[in-house]
Protein backbone atom coordinates (compact mmCIF):
# COMPACT_ATOMS: atom_id res chain seq x y z
CA MET A 1 18.35 -7.34 -62.12
CA ASN A 2 17.16 -3.91 -60.94
CA PHE A 3 13.57 -5.08 -61.09
CA ALA A 4 14.34 -8.03 -58.78
CA ARG A 5 16.14 -5.76 -56.34
CA LEU A 6 13.24 -3.32 -56.31
CA ASN A 7 10.79 -6.17 -55.68
CA LEU A 8 12.95 -7.50 -52.84
CA LEU A 9 13.25 -4.02 -51.33
CA LEU A 10 9.48 -3.47 -51.56
CA LEU A 11 8.83 -6.89 -50.03
CA LEU A 12 11.19 -6.12 -47.17
CA ALA A 13 9.50 -2.74 -46.62
CA ALA A 14 6.07 -4.41 -46.61
CA VAL A 15 7.21 -7.01 -44.05
CA VAL A 16 8.71 -4.32 -41.81
CA CYS A 17 5.50 -2.25 -42.04
CA ALA A 18 3.41 -5.32 -41.26
CA LEU A 19 5.53 -6.05 -38.18
CA PHE A 20 5.09 -2.46 -37.00
CA VAL A 21 1.32 -2.73 -37.47
CA VAL A 22 1.19 -5.97 -35.46
CA SER A 23 3.38 -4.45 -32.75
CA SER A 24 1.23 -1.31 -32.59
CA ASN A 25 -1.96 -3.35 -32.40
CA HIS A 26 -0.56 -5.47 -29.59
CA ARG A 27 0.55 -2.38 -27.65
CA ALA A 28 -2.83 -0.70 -28.15
CA ARG A 29 -4.66 -3.77 -26.84
CA LYS A 30 -2.31 -4.00 -23.87
CA LEU A 31 -2.84 -0.32 -23.03
CA PHE A 32 -6.61 -0.67 -23.40
CA THR A 33 -6.60 -3.63 -20.99
CA GLU A 34 -4.55 -1.59 -18.53
CA LEU A 35 -6.97 1.33 -18.89
CA GLU A 36 -9.96 -0.91 -18.18
CA SER A 37 -8.22 -2.35 -15.13
CA THR A 38 -7.38 1.11 -13.82
CA GLN A 39 -10.94 2.32 -14.35
CA LYS A 40 -12.30 -0.69 -12.45
CA HIS A 41 -9.89 0.04 -9.61
CA MET A 42 -11.08 3.68 -9.63
CA ARG A 43 -14.72 2.57 -9.41
CA ASP A 44 -13.86 0.24 -6.53
CA LEU A 45 -12.11 3.09 -4.71
CA GLU A 46 -15.13 5.37 -5.25
CA VAL A 47 -17.41 2.73 -3.70
CA GLU A 48 -15.02 2.34 -0.76
CA TRP A 49 -14.87 6.14 -0.37
CA GLY A 50 -18.67 6.31 -0.22
CA GLN A 51 -18.74 3.56 2.40
CA LEU A 52 -16.10 5.35 4.47
CA GLN A 53 -18.03 8.63 4.30
CA LEU A 54 -21.17 6.83 5.45
CA GLU A 55 -19.26 5.17 8.27
CA GLN A 56 -17.75 8.50 9.31
CA SER A 57 -21.14 10.20 9.39
CA THR A 58 -22.47 7.35 11.51
CA VAL A 59 -19.54 7.43 13.92
CA ALA A 60 -19.59 11.22 14.24
CA ALA A 61 -23.36 11.50 14.79
CA HIS A 62 -24.15 13.82 17.72
CA VAL A 63 -26.41 11.29 19.40
CA ARG A 64 -23.68 8.64 19.33
CA VAL A 65 -21.02 11.04 20.63
CA GLU A 66 -23.30 12.18 23.44
CA LYS A 67 -24.13 8.58 24.39
CA LEU A 68 -20.43 7.63 24.48
CA ALA A 69 -19.66 10.73 26.57
CA ARG A 70 -22.33 9.76 29.08
CA ASP A 71 -21.58 6.02 29.21
CA ARG A 72 -17.78 5.87 28.95
CA LEU A 73 -16.70 9.21 30.38
CA GLY A 74 -19.52 9.80 32.86
CA MET A 75 -20.23 13.23 31.39
CA LYS A 76 -23.56 14.99 31.71
CA VAL A 77 -25.23 18.10 30.34
CA PRO A 78 -24.50 21.09 32.61
CA ALA A 79 -27.32 22.77 34.48
CA PRO A 80 -28.48 26.11 33.03
CA GLY A 81 -26.75 28.02 35.87
CA GLN A 82 -23.41 26.37 35.04
CA ILE A 83 -23.36 27.59 31.43
CA ILE A 84 -21.40 30.78 30.76
CA ALA A 85 -21.70 32.43 27.35
CA ILE A 86 -18.65 34.25 26.03
CA ASP A 87 -19.07 36.89 23.34
CA GLY A 88 -16.40 36.22 20.70
CA ALA A 89 -16.75 39.66 19.07
CA ALA A 90 -15.72 41.63 22.20
CA LYS A 91 -12.00 42.19 22.71
C-alpha cells in the first residue's frame, strides 16, 4: 500500500513539474515575442528620429532662413554703416 501511495505521489509531483515547465516555456516565448516587438518599435523610432533631425537641419539652414526673411518679412542685410558692434566683455 505504501508503494502505491509513493508512486501516486511521485506521479502527481511529475505532472505538477511538467505543468510548471509548460507554463514557463509559454511565458518565456510570450516575453521573447514582446521583446522583439519592442525592439522593432525602437528601430522604427530611431529611423523617425533620424528623419526628423534631417528635416530640422533642412528647415533651419541659414540660406533658407535668409530667403524666408527676405521674401515673407521684407528684411534685407543692413549696409556696413548701419552695423554697430558691441563688445560683450566690457562692463
